[in-house]
C-alpha atoms as a PDB file:
ATOM      1  CA  MET A   1      14.346   9.026  17.427  1.00  0.00           C
ATOM      2  CA  ALA A   2      12.483   5.733  17.142  1.00  0.00           C
ATOM      3  CA  GLU A   3       9.401   5.740  14.989  1.00  0.00           C
ATOM      4  CA  ASN A   4       6.160   4.784  16.679  1.00  0.00           C
ATOM      5  CA  LYS A   5       4.332   1.530  16.083  1.00  0.00           C
ATOM      6  CA  GLN A   6       1.457   3.203  14.232  1.00  0.00           C
ATOM      7  CA  SER A   7       3.665   4.672  11.535  1.00  0.00           C
ATOM      8  CA  LEU A   8       5.536   1.397  11.118  1.00  0.00           C
ATOM      9  CA  GLY A   9       2.241  -0.504  10.999  1.00  0.00           C
ATOM     10  CA  ASP A  10       0.918   1.791   8.284  1.00  0.00           C
ATOM     11  CA  LYS A  11       4.091   1.364   6.264  1.00  0.00           C
ATOM     12  CA  VAL A  12       3.907  -2.435   6.532  1.00  0.00           C
ATOM     13  CA  LYS A  13       0.219  -2.469   5.588  1.00  0.00           C
ATOM     14  CA  GLY A  14       1.045  -0.205   2.668  1.00  0.00           C
ATOM     15  CA  ALA A  15       3.770  -2.518   1.406  1.00  0.00           C
ATOM     16  CA  VAL A  16       1.488  -5.556   1.700  1.00  0.00           C
ATOM     17  CA  SER A  17      -1.353  -3.806  -0.123  1.00  0.00           C
ATOM     18  CA  LYS A  18       0.987  -2.679  -2.892  1.00  0.00           C
ATOM     19  CA  ALA A  19       2.373  -6.206  -3.331  1.00  0.00           C
ATOM     20  CA  LYS A  20      -1.111  -7.717  -3.340  1.00  0.00           C
ATOM     21  CA  GLY A  21      -2.267  -5.104  -5.822  1.00  0.00           C
ATOM     22  CA  GLU A  22       0.667  -5.722  -8.133  1.00  0.00           C
ATOM     23  CA  ALA A  23      -0.024  -9.461  -8.090  1.00  0.00           C
ATOM     24  CA  LYS A  24      -3.711  -8.939  -8.905  1.00  0.00           C
ATOM     25  CA  ASP A  25      -2.832  -6.461 -11.634  1.00  0.00           C
ATOM     26  CA  GLN A  26      -0.348  -8.843 -13.270  1.00  0.00           C
ATOM     27  CA  ILE A  27      -2.623 -11.883 -13.003  1.00  0.00           C
ATOM     28  CA  GLY A  28      -5.531  -9.861 -14.369  1.00  0.00           C
ATOM     29  CA  ASN A  29      -3.336  -8.748 -17.246  1.00  0.00           C
ATOM     30  CA  ALA A  30      -2.277 -12.330 -18.008  1.00  0.00           C
ATOM     31  CA  LYS A  31      -5.884 -13.564 -17.897  1.00  0.00           C
ATOM     32  CA  ASN A  32      -7.217 -10.485 -19.686  1.00  0.00           C
ATOM     33  CA  ASP A  33      -9.465  -9.907 -16.658  1.00  0.00           C
ATOM     34  CA  LYS A  34     -10.149  -6.175 -16.464  1.00  0.00           C
ATOM     35  CA  GLY A  35     -11.990  -6.519 -13.138  1.00  0.00           C
ATOM     36  CA  MET A  36      -9.018  -8.158 -11.458  1.00  0.00           C
ATOM     37  CA  GLN A  37      -6.718  -5.511 -12.919  1.00  0.00           C
ATOM     38  CA  ALA A  38      -8.965  -2.780 -11.526  1.00  0.00           C
ATOM     39  CA  ASP A  39      -8.936  -4.437  -8.084  1.00  0.00           C
ATOM     40  CA  GLY A  40      -5.160  -4.594  -8.264  1.00  0.00           C
ATOM     41  CA  LYS A  41      -4.901  -0.920  -9.118  1.00  0.00           C
ATOM     42  CA  LYS A  42      -7.200  -0.075  -6.180  1.00  0.00           C
ATOM     43  CA  ASP A  43      -5.048  -2.139  -3.813  1.00  0.00           C
ATOM     44  CA  LYS A  44      -1.892  -0.418  -5.055  1.00  0.00           C
ATOM     45  CA  ALA A  45      -3.489   3.002  -4.509  1.00  0.00           C
ATOM     46  CA  LYS A  46      -4.613   1.950  -1.034  1.00  0.00           C
ATOM     47  CA  GLY A  47      -1.070   0.824  -0.277  1.00  0.00           C
ATOM     48  CA  SER A  48       0.347   4.148  -1.396  1.00  0.00           C
ATOM     49  CA  LEU A  49      -2.089   5.994   0.865  1.00  0.00           C
ATOM     50  CA  GLN A  50      -1.215   3.775   3.832  1.00  0.00           C
ATOM     51  CA  ASP A  51       2.488   4.328   3.214  1.00  0.00           C
ATOM     52  CA  THR A  52       1.953   8.088   3.025  1.00  0.00           C
ATOM     53  CA  ALA A  53      -0.055   8.011   6.260  1.00  0.00           C
ATOM     54  CA  GLY A  54       2.793   6.162   7.962  1.00  0.00           C
ATOM     55  CA  LYS A  55       5.322   8.715   6.750  1.00  0.00           C
ATOM     56  CA  LEU A  56       3.127  11.603   7.905  1.00  0.00           C
ATOM     57  CA  LYS A  57       2.744  10.050  11.360  1.00  0.00           C
ATOM     58  CA  GLU A  58       6.481   9.476  11.546  1.00  0.00           C
ATOM     59  CA  ASN A  59       7.213  13.086  10.579  1.00  0.00           C
ATOM     60  CA  SER A  60       4.659  14.467  13.044  1.00  0.00           C
ATOM     61  CA  ASP A  61       6.304  12.486  15.860  1.00  0.00           C
ATOM     62  CA  ARG A  62       9.650  14.103  15.113  1.00  0.00           C
ATOM     63  CA  ARG A  63       8.316  17.621  15.681  1.00  0.00           C
END
């Protein structure tokens, strides 16, 4: 069964947020910028939530 566009969209947004968060976290670490590291960690958490939402939507469509 094909997954719907919403679940795929959430998964893509999640991956982008995680990548952006990882970049901020690493740059913040290199610059010793705790604020940037914190922003990166927030973006990674947001990405994980978006990915989970996409998976939940995909699973609910299969039922």
